[in-house]
Amino acid sequence: MSVSDKLAEHIIKGKIDEVQALVQSTLDDNMSPEEVLAGLMGGMEVVGKRFADEDMYIPEVMLSARTMHAALELLRPLLEKDQKKMKMKGRLLLGTVEGDIHDIGKSLVEMMFTANGFEVIDIGINVSAAAFVEAVKEHQPDIVGMSALLTNTMPAMQQAVAAIDEAGLRKNGMPKIIVGGAPVTEEFAKEIGADLYGENALEGVEMVKNAIA
């Protein structure tokens, strides 16, 4: 079994101590933080699919999420250090919409974009439409990312997109708005006027790279 597979397996099984030890040993062996992150992401993608198929339940998913967070704490300083050495590919403003307090998916998106050379400004959870507008004015991002994990918070995503448009902040097609989360679909993204829909963090990075190239 490869190191990436072992990392993924620890995430899936929720083995916090084991994943931290393996992350540290692979970094000590000069495996890049981006490669380690990719292995961890592979595990979370399996968790997401199993949850959708009802092969995993909320307590198991939360254990995997806590395991992922523990691993990310070791990776974050290295990714941020590498980021400072790179020419930024773009600025991403990221938040979970109003009424939704979930941040696991958002945190994964943040780490993946950071690893790929983007400056990420995380404005947190339960972010109102007005707060998105103010953050866009302040930070002038190239991309605005919105996350929702609950079906009943999806309307807040639509309200945030509309508020940004009504404030006249999307000029000449910028900033691009990308939306994602378990209940969100590509059709919904089009309906609310978002530019992009990312099924997962890896796909989102590639879509954004192409969109702002």
N, C-alpha and C. Protein backbone atom coordinates (compact mmCIF):
# COMPACT_ATOMS: atom_id res chain seq x y z
N MET A 1 0.85 -1.20 0.00
CA MET A 1 0.00 0.00 0.00
C MET A 1 0.88 1.25 0.00
N SER A 2 0.57 2.19 -0.89
CA SER A 2 1.35 3.42 -0.99
C SER A 2 1.10 4.31 0.22
N VAL A 3 1.97 5.30 0.40
CA VAL A 3 1.79 6.25 1.50
C VAL A 3 0.47 7.00 1.34
N SER A 4 0.15 7.40 0.12
CA SER A 4 -1.11 8.11 -0.13
C SER A 4 -2.30 7.26 0.25
N ASP A 5 -2.24 5.98 -0.06
CA ASP A 5 -3.34 5.07 0.28
C ASP A 5 -3.46 4.92 1.80
N LYS A 6 -2.31 4.86 2.48
CA LYS A 6 -2.32 4.74 3.95
C LYS A 6 -2.92 5.99 4.59
N LEU A 7 -2.54 7.16 4.05
CA LEU A 7 -3.11 8.41 4.56
C LEU A 7 -4.63 8.42 4.39
N ALA A 8 -5.06 8.01 3.20
CA ALA A 8 -6.50 7.96 2.93
C ALA A 8 -7.21 6.99 3.86
N GLU A 9 -6.59 5.84 4.10
CA GLU A 9 -7.20 4.82 4.96
C GLU A 9 -7.35 5.34 6.39
N HIS A 10 -6.34 6.05 6.89
CA HIS A 10 -6.43 6.59 8.25
C HIS A 10 -7.57 7.61 8.36
N ILE A 11 -7.75 8.40 7.30
CA ILE A 11 -8.85 9.37 7.30
C ILE A 11 -10.19 8.65 7.31
N ILE A 12 -10.33 7.66 6.46
CA ILE A 12 -11.59 6.92 6.36
C ILE A 12 -11.94 6.24 7.68
N LYS A 13 -10.94 5.67 8.35
CA LYS A 13 -11.18 4.95 9.59
C LYS A 13 -11.14 5.85 10.83
N GLY A 14 -10.80 7.14 10.63
CA GLY A 14 -10.82 8.08 11.75
C GLY A 14 -9.72 7.84 12.76
N LYS A 15 -8.53 7.51 12.30
CA LYS A 15 -7.41 7.23 13.19
C LYS A 15 -6.54 8.48 13.35
N ILE A 16 -6.86 9.28 14.35
CA ILE A 16 -6.22 10.58 14.51
C ILE A 16 -4.73 10.44 14.82
N ASP A 17 -4.37 9.64 15.81
CA ASP A 17 -2.96 9.51 16.19
C ASP A 17 -2.14 8.95 15.04
N GLU A 18 -2.71 7.96 14.37
CA GLU A 18 -1.98 7.32 13.26
C GLU A 18 -1.75 8.27 12.10
N VAL A 19 -2.78 9.08 11.78
CA VAL A 19 -2.62 9.98 10.64
C VAL A 19 -1.61 11.07 10.95
N GLN A 20 -1.61 11.57 12.18
CA GLN A 20 -0.64 12.60 12.54
C GLN A 20 0.78 12.05 12.48
N ALA A 21 0.96 10.84 12.97
CA ALA A 21 2.29 10.23 12.93
C ALA A 21 2.76 10.01 11.51
N LEU A 22 1.85 9.55 10.64
CA LEU A 22 2.22 9.28 9.25
C LEU A 22 2.49 10.58 8.49
N VAL A 23 1.68 11.58 8.74
CA VAL A 23 1.91 12.88 8.09
C VAL A 23 3.29 13.40 8.47
N GLN A 24 3.61 13.35 9.75
CA GLN A 24 4.90 13.86 10.19
C GLN A 24 6.05 13.07 9.60
N SER A 25 5.92 11.75 9.56
CA SER A 25 7.01 10.92 9.03
C SER A 25 7.21 11.14 7.54
N THR A 26 6.11 11.32 6.80
CA THR A 26 6.24 11.55 5.36
C THR A 26 6.86 12.92 5.08
N LEU A 27 6.52 13.90 5.90
CA LEU A 27 7.15 15.22 5.74
C LEU A 27 8.63 15.15 6.08
N ASP A 28 8.96 14.38 7.12
CA ASP A 28 10.36 14.20 7.49
C ASP A 28 11.14 13.51 6.38
N ASP A 29 10.43 12.68 5.60
CA ASP A 29 11.06 11.96 4.48
C ASP A 29 11.02 12.78 3.20
N ASN A 30 10.69 14.06 3.34
CA ASN A 30 10.71 15.01 2.22
C ASN A 30 9.60 14.81 1.19
N MET A 31 8.50 14.20 1.59
CA MET A 31 7.32 14.19 0.74
C MET A 31 6.72 15.59 0.81
N SER A 32 6.32 16.14 -0.32
CA SER A 32 5.85 17.51 -0.34
C SER A 32 4.50 17.63 0.38
N PRO A 33 4.24 18.79 0.99
CA PRO A 33 2.95 18.99 1.64
C PRO A 33 1.78 18.80 0.69
N GLU A 34 1.97 19.17 -0.57
CA GLU A 34 0.90 19.03 -1.56
C GLU A 34 0.57 17.56 -1.82
N GLU A 35 1.61 16.72 -1.85
CA GLU A 35 1.38 15.28 -2.06
C GLU A 35 0.67 14.67 -0.86
N VAL A 36 1.07 15.08 0.33
CA VAL A 36 0.42 14.59 1.54
C VAL A 36 -1.05 15.01 1.54
N LEU A 37 -1.30 16.27 1.20
CA LEU A 37 -2.67 16.77 1.17
C LEU A 37 -3.51 16.00 0.16
N ALA A 38 -2.94 15.66 -0.97
CA ALA A 38 -3.68 14.91 -1.98
C ALA A 38 -4.11 13.54 -1.45
N GLY A 39 -3.23 12.88 -0.69
CA GLY A 39 -3.58 11.60 -0.10
C GLY A 39 -4.70 11.73 0.91
N LEU A 40 -4.62 12.76 1.74
CA LEU A 40 -5.68 13.00 2.72
C LEU A 40 -7.00 13.31 2.03
N MET A 41 -6.94 14.12 0.97
CA MET A 41 -8.15 14.47 0.23
C MET A 41 -8.80 13.24 -0.38
N GLY A 42 -7.96 12.31 -0.81
CA GLY A 42 -8.50 11.07 -1.36
C GLY A 42 -9.35 10.34 -0.35
N GLY A 43 -8.91 10.35 0.91
CA GLY A 43 -9.69 9.72 1.96
C GLY A 43 -11.00 10.43 2.20
N MET A 44 -10.98 11.76 2.23
CA MET A 44 -12.21 12.51 2.46
C MET A 44 -13.20 12.35 1.31
N GLU A 45 -12.70 12.19 0.11
CA GLU A 45 -13.60 11.97 -1.03
C GLU A 45 -14.32 10.63 -0.89
N VAL A 46 -13.61 9.62 -0.41
CA VAL A 46 -14.24 8.32 -0.16
C VAL A 46 -15.31 8.46 0.92
N VAL A 47 -14.97 9.20 1.98
CA VAL A 47 -15.94 9.43 3.06
C VAL A 47 -17.20 10.10 2.52
N GLY A 48 -17.01 11.12 1.69
CA GLY A 48 -18.14 11.82 1.11
C GLY A 48 -19.02 10.92 0.27
N LYS A 49 -18.41 10.07 -0.53
CA LYS A 49 -19.17 9.16 -1.38
C LYS A 49 -19.92 8.12 -0.55
N ARG A 50 -19.25 7.59 0.48
CA ARG A 50 -19.90 6.59 1.33
C ARG A 50 -21.06 7.18 2.11
N PHE A 51 -20.90 8.44 2.53
CA PHE A 51 -21.98 9.11 3.25
C PHE A 51 -23.18 9.31 2.31
N ALA A 52 -22.89 9.72 1.08
CA ALA A 52 -23.96 9.92 0.10
C ALA A 52 -24.68 8.61 -0.20
N ASP A 53 -23.94 7.51 -0.18
CA ASP A 53 -24.52 6.19 -0.45
C ASP A 53 -25.10 5.53 0.80
N GLU A 54 -25.04 6.25 1.92
CA GLU A 54 -25.53 5.76 3.21
C GLU A 54 -24.76 4.54 3.70
N ASP A 55 -23.49 4.48 3.30
CA ASP A 55 -22.59 3.44 3.81
C ASP A 55 -21.80 3.94 5.02
N MET A 56 -21.87 5.25 5.27
CA MET A 56 -21.29 5.84 6.47
C MET A 56 -22.33 6.78 7.06
N TYR A 57 -22.28 6.95 8.38
CA TYR A 57 -23.26 7.79 9.05
C TYR A 57 -22.57 8.96 9.74
N ILE A 58 -23.35 9.90 10.20
CA ILE A 58 -22.82 11.16 10.70
C ILE A 58 -21.71 11.00 11.75
N PRO A 59 -21.85 10.13 12.76
CA PRO A 59 -20.76 10.00 13.74
C PRO A 59 -19.44 9.57 13.10
N GLU A 60 -19.52 8.66 12.12
CA GLU A 60 -18.31 8.21 11.44
C GLU A 60 -17.72 9.33 10.59
N VAL A 61 -18.59 10.07 9.91
CA VAL A 61 -18.12 11.18 9.08
C VAL A 61 -17.45 12.25 9.94
N MET A 62 -18.03 12.55 11.08
CA MET A 62 -17.45 13.55 11.97
C MET A 62 -16.10 13.11 12.51
N LEU A 63 -15.95 11.81 12.79
CA LEU A 63 -14.66 11.30 13.24
C LEU A 63 -13.62 11.46 12.14
N SER A 64 -14.01 11.14 10.91
CA SER A 64 -13.09 11.33 9.79
C SER A 64 -12.74 12.80 9.63
N ALA A 65 -13.72 13.67 9.81
CA ALA A 65 -13.48 15.12 9.69
C ALA A 65 -12.50 15.60 10.75
N ARG A 66 -12.67 15.11 11.98
CA ARG A 66 -11.73 15.50 13.04
C ARG A 66 -10.32 15.00 12.75
N THR A 67 -10.25 13.82 12.16
CA THR A 67 -8.95 13.26 11.78
C THR A 67 -8.30 14.11 10.71
N MET A 68 -9.12 14.57 9.75
CA MET A 68 -8.62 15.43 8.69
C MET A 68 -8.11 16.74 9.27
N HIS A 69 -8.85 17.32 10.19
CA HIS A 69 -8.44 18.56 10.81
C HIS A 69 -7.10 18.39 11.54
N ALA A 70 -6.93 17.28 12.22
CA ALA A 70 -5.69 17.02 12.94
C ALA A 70 -4.50 16.97 11.98
N ALA A 71 -4.72 16.35 10.83
CA ALA A 71 -3.66 16.27 9.83
C ALA A 71 -3.38 17.65 9.22
N LEU A 72 -4.43 18.42 8.98
CA LEU A 72 -4.26 19.74 8.38
C LEU A 72 -3.48 20.69 9.28
N GLU A 73 -3.61 20.50 10.59
CA GLU A 73 -2.87 21.37 11.50
C GLU A 73 -1.36 21.22 11.32
N LEU A 74 -0.92 20.03 10.95
CA LEU A 74 0.50 19.83 10.69
C LEU A 74 0.91 20.40 9.33
N LEU A 75 0.00 20.37 8.38
CA LEU A 75 0.31 20.80 7.03
C LEU A 75 0.21 22.31 6.83
N ARG A 76 -0.72 22.94 7.55
CA ARG A 76 -1.03 24.34 7.29
C ARG A 76 0.20 25.27 7.30
N PRO A 77 1.07 25.20 8.32
CA PRO A 77 2.23 26.12 8.32
C PRO A 77 3.12 25.94 7.09
N LEU A 78 3.28 24.70 6.66
CA LEU A 78 4.15 24.43 5.51
C LEU A 78 3.53 24.94 4.23
N LEU A 79 2.23 24.74 4.08
CA LEU A 79 1.55 25.21 2.88
C LEU A 79 1.56 26.74 2.81
N GLU A 80 1.33 27.37 3.94
CA GLU A 80 1.34 28.82 3.97
C GLU A 80 2.74 29.38 3.70
N LYS A 81 3.76 28.67 4.20
CA LYS A 81 5.15 29.09 3.95
C LYS A 81 5.47 28.98 2.47
N ASP A 82 5.06 27.87 1.85
CA ASP A 82 5.30 27.69 0.42
C ASP A 82 4.54 28.73 -0.39
N GLN A 83 3.36 29.07 0.08
CA GLN A 83 2.53 30.03 -0.63
C GLN A 83 3.24 31.37 -0.76
N LYS A 84 3.94 31.79 0.30
CA LYS A 84 4.61 33.08 0.30
C LYS A 84 5.75 33.14 -0.72
N LYS A 85 6.28 31.97 -1.07
CA LYS A 85 7.38 31.93 -2.03
C LYS A 85 6.89 31.97 -3.47
N MET A 86 5.61 31.71 -3.66
CA MET A 86 5.07 31.61 -5.00
C MET A 86 4.38 32.90 -5.43
N LYS A 87 4.36 33.12 -6.73
CA LYS A 87 3.54 34.20 -7.25
C LYS A 87 2.09 33.74 -7.17
N MET A 88 1.26 34.55 -6.53
CA MET A 88 -0.12 34.15 -6.32
C MET A 88 -0.87 34.01 -7.65
N LYS A 89 -1.64 32.94 -7.77
CA LYS A 89 -2.41 32.71 -8.99
C LYS A 89 -3.74 33.44 -8.96
N GLY A 90 -4.13 33.89 -7.79
CA GLY A 90 -5.40 34.59 -7.66
C GLY A 90 -5.78 34.69 -6.20
N ARG A 91 -6.82 35.49 -5.93
CA ARG A 91 -7.29 35.68 -4.56
C ARG A 91 -8.70 35.11 -4.45
N LEU A 92 -8.89 34.18 -3.51
CA LEU A 92 -10.17 33.54 -3.28
C LEU A 92 -10.77 34.01 -1.96
N LEU A 93 -11.99 34.53 -2.03
CA LEU A 93 -12.76 34.87 -0.84
C LEU A 93 -13.72 33.72 -0.59
N LEU A 94 -13.70 33.17 0.62
CA LEU A 94 -14.41 31.92 0.87
C LEU A 94 -15.27 32.00 2.12
N GLY A 95 -16.51 31.53 2.03
CA GLY A 95 -17.38 31.52 3.20
C GLY A 95 -18.52 30.54 3.07
N THR A 96 -19.02 30.07 4.23
CA THR A 96 -20.22 29.25 4.29
C THR A 96 -21.41 30.19 4.50
N VAL A 97 -22.48 29.98 3.75
CA VAL A 97 -23.56 30.96 3.70
C VAL A 97 -24.38 31.01 4.99
N GLU A 98 -25.19 32.06 5.10
CA GLU A 98 -25.97 32.32 6.29
C GLU A 98 -26.89 31.14 6.65
N GLY A 99 -26.92 30.82 7.93
CA GLY A 99 -27.74 29.73 8.42
C GLY A 99 -27.02 28.40 8.47
N ASP A 100 -25.82 28.35 7.91
CA ASP A 100 -25.06 27.10 7.83
C ASP A 100 -23.76 27.27 8.62
N ILE A 101 -23.53 26.39 9.58
CA ILE A 101 -22.34 26.52 10.44
C ILE A 101 -21.30 25.43 10.16
N HIS A 102 -21.43 24.75 9.03
CA HIS A 102 -20.48 23.69 8.69
C HIS A 102 -19.23 24.28 8.04
N ASP A 103 -18.08 23.79 8.44
CA ASP A 103 -16.86 24.34 7.87
C ASP A 103 -15.87 23.29 7.38
N ILE A 104 -16.23 22.01 7.46
CA ILE A 104 -15.29 20.97 7.02
C ILE A 104 -14.98 21.12 5.53
N GLY A 105 -16.03 21.15 4.73
CA GLY A 105 -15.82 21.28 3.28
C GLY A 105 -15.09 22.56 2.92
N LYS A 106 -15.47 23.64 3.58
CA LYS A 106 -14.82 24.93 3.32
C LYS A 106 -13.34 24.88 3.67
N SER A 107 -13.02 24.23 4.77
CA SER A 107 -11.62 24.13 5.19
C SER A 107 -10.80 23.32 4.18
N LEU A 108 -11.40 22.29 3.62
CA LEU A 108 -10.70 21.49 2.61
C LEU A 108 -10.46 22.32 1.35
N VAL A 109 -11.46 23.08 0.96
CA VAL A 109 -11.30 23.95 -0.20
C VAL A 109 -10.18 24.97 0.05
N GLU A 110 -10.18 25.54 1.24
CA GLU A 110 -9.13 26.51 1.59
C GLU A 110 -7.74 25.89 1.46
N MET A 111 -7.57 24.70 2.00
CA MET A 111 -6.26 24.07 1.97
C MET A 111 -5.84 23.72 0.55
N MET A 112 -6.78 23.24 -0.26
CA MET A 112 -6.43 22.85 -1.62
C MET A 112 -6.07 24.07 -2.47
N PHE A 113 -6.80 25.16 -2.31
CA PHE A 113 -6.47 26.37 -3.07
C PHE A 113 -5.14 26.95 -2.58
N THR A 114 -4.91 26.92 -1.27
CA THR A 114 -3.64 27.39 -0.74
C THR A 114 -2.49 26.59 -1.31
N ALA A 115 -2.67 25.28 -1.38
CA ALA A 115 -1.62 24.40 -1.90
C ALA A 115 -1.34 24.66 -3.36
N ASN A 116 -2.33 25.22 -4.07
CA ASN A 116 -2.17 25.47 -5.50
C ASN A 116 -1.83 26.93 -5.81
N GLY A 117 -1.38 27.65 -4.79
CA GLY A 117 -0.83 28.96 -5.04
C GLY A 117 -1.81 30.11 -5.04
N PHE A 118 -2.96 29.93 -4.43
CA PHE A 118 -3.93 31.01 -4.31
C PHE A 118 -3.85 31.65 -2.93
N GLU A 119 -4.09 32.94 -2.88
CA GLU A 119 -4.28 33.62 -1.61
C GLU A 119 -5.74 33.39 -1.20
N VAL A 120 -5.96 32.84 -0.01
CA VAL A 120 -7.32 32.52 0.42
C VAL A 120 -7.69 33.38 1.63
N ILE A 121 -8.83 34.04 1.51
CA ILE A 121 -9.38 34.82 2.62
C ILE A 121 -10.65 34.13 3.07
N ASP A 122 -10.59 33.51 4.23
CA ASP A 122 -11.72 32.75 4.77
C ASP A 122 -12.52 33.66 5.70
N ILE A 123 -13.77 33.96 5.32
CA ILE A 123 -14.59 34.85 6.14
C ILE A 123 -15.55 34.08 7.04
N GLY A 124 -15.36 32.76 7.12
CA GLY A 124 -16.03 31.98 8.13
C GLY A 124 -17.34 31.34 7.74
N ILE A 125 -18.14 31.04 8.75
CA ILE A 125 -19.41 30.35 8.59
C ILE A 125 -20.57 31.31 8.87
N ASN A 126 -21.77 30.89 8.47
CA ASN A 126 -22.97 31.68 8.74
C ASN A 126 -22.81 33.12 8.23
N VAL A 127 -22.31 33.24 7.00
CA VAL A 127 -21.99 34.55 6.43
C VAL A 127 -23.21 35.09 5.68
N SER A 128 -23.68 36.25 6.06
CA SER A 128 -24.86 36.85 5.43
C SER A 128 -24.51 37.40 4.05
N ALA A 129 -25.55 37.67 3.27
CA ALA A 129 -25.36 38.27 1.95
C ALA A 129 -24.64 39.61 2.07
N ALA A 130 -25.06 40.41 3.06
CA ALA A 130 -24.44 41.72 3.26
C ALA A 130 -22.96 41.58 3.62
N ALA A 131 -22.62 40.56 4.40
CA ALA A 131 -21.22 40.35 4.79
C ALA A 131 -20.38 39.94 3.58
N PHE A 132 -20.96 39.13 2.70
CA PHE A 132 -20.24 38.79 1.46
C PHE A 132 -19.96 40.06 0.65
N VAL A 133 -20.96 40.92 0.54
CA VAL A 133 -20.80 42.16 -0.22
C VAL A 133 -19.67 43.00 0.37
N GLU A 134 -19.67 43.18 1.67
CA GLU A 134 -18.64 44.00 2.31
C GLU A 134 -17.26 43.39 2.14
N ALA A 135 -17.19 42.06 2.22
CA ALA A 135 -15.90 41.39 2.08
C ALA A 135 -15.36 41.52 0.65
N VAL A 136 -16.26 41.44 -0.33
CA VAL A 136 -15.84 41.62 -1.72
C VAL A 136 -15.31 43.03 -1.93
N LYS A 137 -16.00 44.01 -1.37
CA LYS A 137 -15.54 45.40 -1.47
C LYS A 137 -14.16 45.58 -0.84
N GLU A 138 -13.98 44.97 0.33
CA GLU A 138 -12.73 45.14 1.06
C GLU A 138 -11.56 44.44 0.41
N HIS A 139 -11.77 43.18 0.01
CA HIS A 139 -10.64 42.35 -0.43
C HIS A 139 -10.47 42.27 -1.94
N GLN A 140 -11.50 42.66 -2.69
CA GLN A 140 -11.43 42.65 -4.16
C GLN A 140 -10.86 41.33 -4.70
N PRO A 141 -11.53 40.23 -4.42
CA PRO A 141 -11.03 38.92 -4.85
C PRO A 141 -11.24 38.67 -6.34
N ASP A 142 -10.49 37.70 -6.85
CA ASP A 142 -10.72 37.22 -8.21
C ASP A 142 -11.85 36.21 -8.25
N ILE A 143 -12.01 35.50 -7.12
CA ILE A 143 -13.02 34.46 -7.03
C ILE A 143 -13.73 34.56 -5.68
N VAL A 144 -15.03 34.34 -5.69
CA VAL A 144 -15.80 34.24 -4.45
C VAL A 144 -16.32 32.82 -4.37
N GLY A 145 -15.99 32.10 -3.30
CA GLY A 145 -16.45 30.74 -3.11
C GLY A 145 -17.50 30.68 -2.00
N MET A 146 -18.63 30.05 -2.30
CA MET A 146 -19.71 29.92 -1.32
C MET A 146 -20.02 28.45 -1.10
N SER A 147 -20.15 28.08 0.18
CA SER A 147 -20.42 26.69 0.53
C SER A 147 -21.73 26.57 1.30
N ALA A 148 -22.45 25.48 1.04
CA ALA A 148 -23.66 25.16 1.80
C ALA A 148 -23.75 23.65 1.93
N LEU A 149 -23.98 23.18 3.14
CA LEU A 149 -24.10 21.74 3.36
C LEU A 149 -25.55 21.30 3.58
N LEU A 150 -26.42 22.26 3.82
CA LEU A 150 -27.82 21.95 4.11
C LEU A 150 -28.73 22.47 3.00
N THR A 151 -29.72 21.68 2.65
CA THR A 151 -30.65 22.08 1.60
C THR A 151 -31.36 23.38 1.96
N ASN A 152 -31.70 23.54 3.23
CA ASN A 152 -32.46 24.73 3.62
C ASN A 152 -31.61 26.00 3.71
N THR A 153 -30.30 25.89 3.48
CA THR A 153 -29.47 27.10 3.44
C THR A 153 -29.09 27.48 2.01
N MET A 154 -29.50 26.67 1.04
CA MET A 154 -29.20 26.99 -0.35
C MET A 154 -29.79 28.33 -0.80
N PRO A 155 -31.01 28.70 -0.35
CA PRO A 155 -31.53 30.02 -0.74
C PRO A 155 -30.63 31.17 -0.31
N ALA A 156 -29.92 31.00 0.80
CA ALA A 156 -28.99 32.04 1.25
C ALA A 156 -27.85 32.23 0.25
N MET A 157 -27.49 31.16 -0.42
CA MET A 157 -26.47 31.24 -1.46
C MET A 157 -26.97 32.10 -2.62
N GLN A 158 -28.22 31.87 -3.00
CA GLN A 158 -28.83 32.67 -4.06
C GLN A 158 -28.90 34.15 -3.67
N GLN A 159 -29.24 34.41 -2.41
CA GLN A 159 -29.34 35.79 -1.93
C GLN A 159 -27.97 36.47 -1.95
N ALA A 160 -26.93 35.72 -1.61
CA ALA A 160 -25.58 36.31 -1.59
C ALA A 160 -25.12 36.66 -3.00
N VAL A 161 -25.38 35.76 -3.95
CA VAL A 161 -25.02 36.04 -5.35
C VAL A 161 -25.76 37.28 -5.84
N ALA A 162 -27.06 37.34 -5.55
CA ALA A 162 -27.87 38.48 -5.98
C ALA A 162 -27.38 39.78 -5.36
N ALA A 163 -27.00 39.73 -4.08
CA ALA A 163 -26.53 40.93 -3.39
C ALA A 163 -25.24 41.46 -4.00
N ILE A 164 -24.35 40.56 -4.35
CA ILE A 164 -23.10 40.97 -4.99
C ILE A 164 -23.38 41.63 -6.34
N ASP A 165 -24.32 41.07 -7.09
CA ASP A 165 -24.69 41.66 -8.38
C ASP A 165 -25.36 43.02 -8.20
N GLU A 166 -26.28 43.09 -7.25
CA GLU A 166 -27.01 44.34 -7.01
C GLU A 166 -26.09 45.46 -6.55
N ALA A 167 -25.00 45.09 -5.89
CA ALA A 167 -24.03 46.09 -5.44
C ALA A 167 -23.09 46.52 -6.57
N GLY A 168 -23.25 45.90 -7.74
CA GLY A 168 -22.43 46.25 -8.89
C GLY A 168 -20.99 45.81 -8.77
N LEU A 169 -20.77 44.71 -8.07
CA LEU A 169 -19.40 44.28 -7.79
C LEU A 169 -18.85 43.27 -8.79
N ARG A 170 -19.72 42.75 -9.67
CA ARG A 170 -19.23 41.83 -10.70
C ARG A 170 -19.17 42.58 -12.02
N LYS A 171 -18.01 43.14 -12.30
CA LYS A 171 -17.83 43.91 -13.52
C LYS A 171 -16.89 43.17 -14.46
N ASN A 172 -17.27 43.15 -15.74
CA ASN A 172 -16.47 42.45 -16.75
C ASN A 172 -16.24 40.99 -16.37
N GLY A 173 -17.26 40.40 -15.73
CA GLY A 173 -17.19 38.98 -15.40
C GLY A 173 -16.37 38.64 -14.18
N MET A 174 -15.91 39.64 -13.43
CA MET A 174 -15.09 39.39 -12.24
C MET A 174 -15.69 40.10 -11.04
N PRO A 175 -15.59 39.53 -9.84
CA PRO A 175 -15.00 38.22 -9.57
C PRO A 175 -15.90 37.08 -10.04
N LYS A 176 -15.29 35.95 -10.34
CA LYS A 176 -16.05 34.75 -10.63
C LYS A 176 -16.63 34.23 -9.32
N ILE A 177 -17.82 33.66 -9.39
CA ILE A 177 -18.42 33.06 -8.20
C ILE A 177 -18.54 31.55 -8.41
N ILE A 178 -17.96 30.80 -7.47
CA ILE A 178 -18.04 29.34 -7.51
C ILE A 178 -18.79 28.86 -6.28
N VAL A 179 -19.70 27.93 -6.47
CA VAL A 179 -20.50 27.41 -5.36
C VAL A 179 -20.31 25.90 -5.27
N GLY A 180 -20.53 25.38 -4.06
CA GLY A 180 -20.40 23.94 -3.86
C GLY A 180 -20.96 23.52 -2.52
N GLY A 181 -20.96 22.23 -2.29
CA GLY A 181 -21.52 21.66 -1.07
C GLY A 181 -22.40 20.48 -1.42
N ALA A 182 -22.65 19.64 -0.45
CA ALA A 182 -23.34 18.38 -0.69
C ALA A 182 -24.66 18.51 -1.46
N PRO A 183 -25.56 19.45 -1.12
CA PRO A 183 -26.84 19.51 -1.81
C PRO A 183 -26.82 20.33 -3.10
N VAL A 184 -25.72 21.03 -3.34
CA VAL A 184 -25.64 21.94 -4.49
C VAL A 184 -25.38 21.17 -5.77
N THR A 185 -26.02 21.60 -6.85
CA THR A 185 -25.85 20.96 -8.15
C THR A 185 -25.43 21.99 -9.18
N GLU A 186 -24.97 21.51 -10.31
CA GLU A 186 -24.59 22.42 -11.40
C GLU A 186 -25.80 23.20 -11.89
N GLU A 187 -26.95 22.53 -11.93
CA GLU A 187 -28.18 23.20 -12.37
C GLU A 187 -28.55 24.35 -11.44
N PHE A 188 -28.43 24.11 -10.13
CA PHE A 188 -28.73 25.15 -9.15
C PHE A 188 -27.77 26.32 -9.31
N ALA A 189 -26.49 26.01 -9.53
CA ALA A 189 -25.49 27.06 -9.70
C ALA A 189 -25.87 27.97 -10.86
N LYS A 190 -26.32 27.38 -11.95
CA LYS A 190 -26.72 28.18 -13.12
C LYS A 190 -27.96 29.01 -12.81
N GLU A 191 -28.90 28.41 -12.09
CA GLU A 191 -30.15 29.11 -11.76
C GLU A 191 -29.90 30.38 -10.95
N ILE A 192 -28.92 30.34 -10.04
CA ILE A 192 -28.70 31.49 -9.16
C ILE A 192 -27.68 32.48 -9.71
N GLY A 193 -27.15 32.18 -10.89
CA GLY A 193 -26.23 33.12 -11.51
C GLY A 193 -24.78 32.95 -11.13
N ALA A 194 -24.43 31.82 -10.52
CA ALA A 194 -23.02 31.56 -10.23
C ALA A 194 -22.29 31.21 -11.52
N ASP A 195 -20.99 31.47 -11.54
CA ASP A 195 -20.20 31.18 -12.74
C ASP A 195 -19.77 29.74 -12.81
N LEU A 196 -19.49 29.15 -11.63
CA LEU A 196 -18.88 27.83 -11.60
C LEU A 196 -19.50 26.98 -10.50
N TYR A 197 -19.47 25.67 -10.71
CA TYR A 197 -19.89 24.72 -9.69
C TYR A 197 -18.79 23.69 -9.52
N GLY A 198 -18.35 23.51 -8.28
CA GLY A 198 -17.32 22.52 -8.00
C GLY A 198 -17.88 21.36 -7.21
N GLU A 199 -17.80 20.16 -7.77
CA GLU A 199 -18.31 18.98 -7.07
C GLU A 199 -17.43 18.63 -5.88
N ASN A 200 -16.14 18.95 -5.99
CA ASN A 200 -15.22 18.72 -4.88
C ASN A 200 -14.09 19.74 -4.97
N ALA A 201 -13.23 19.75 -3.97
CA ALA A 201 -12.18 20.76 -3.90
C ALA A 201 -11.19 20.66 -5.06
N LEU A 202 -10.82 19.46 -5.42
CA LEU A 202 -9.87 19.28 -6.51
C LEU A 202 -10.42 19.80 -7.82
N GLU A 203 -11.68 19.46 -8.10
CA GLU A 203 -12.33 19.93 -9.32
C GLU A 203 -12.46 21.45 -9.31
N GLY A 204 -12.78 21.99 -8.13
CA GLY A 204 -12.93 23.44 -8.01
C GLY A 204 -11.66 24.19 -8.35
N VAL A 205 -10.53 23.69 -7.90
CA VAL A 205 -9.25 24.33 -8.20
C VAL A 205 -9.02 24.39 -9.70
N GLU A 206 -9.21 23.27 -10.37
CA GLU A 206 -8.96 23.21 -11.81
C GLU A 206 -9.91 24.12 -12.57
N MET A 207 -11.18 24.16 -12.16
CA MET A 207 -12.15 25.01 -12.83
C MET A 207 -11.79 26.49 -12.67
N VAL A 208 -11.37 26.87 -11.48
CA VAL A 208 -11.02 28.26 -11.23
C VAL A 208 -9.76 28.63 -12.01
N LYS A 209 -8.77 27.75 -12.03
CA LYS A 209 -7.55 28.01 -12.81
C LYS A 209 -7.89 28.33 -14.26
N ASN A 210 -8.76 27.52 -14.84
CA ASN A 210 -9.15 27.72 -16.23
C ASN A 210 -9.97 29.00 -16.42
N ALA A 211 -10.80 29.30 -15.42
CA ALA A 211 -11.71 30.44 -15.56
C ALA A 211 -10.99 31.78 -15.50
N ILE A 212 -9.90 31.85 -14.74
CA ILE A 212 -9.22 33.14 -14.58
C ILE A 212 -7.88 33.20 -15.32
N ALA A 213 -7.60 32.16 -16.10
CA ALA A 213 -6.33 32.12 -16.83
C ALA A 213 -6.24 33.27 -17.84
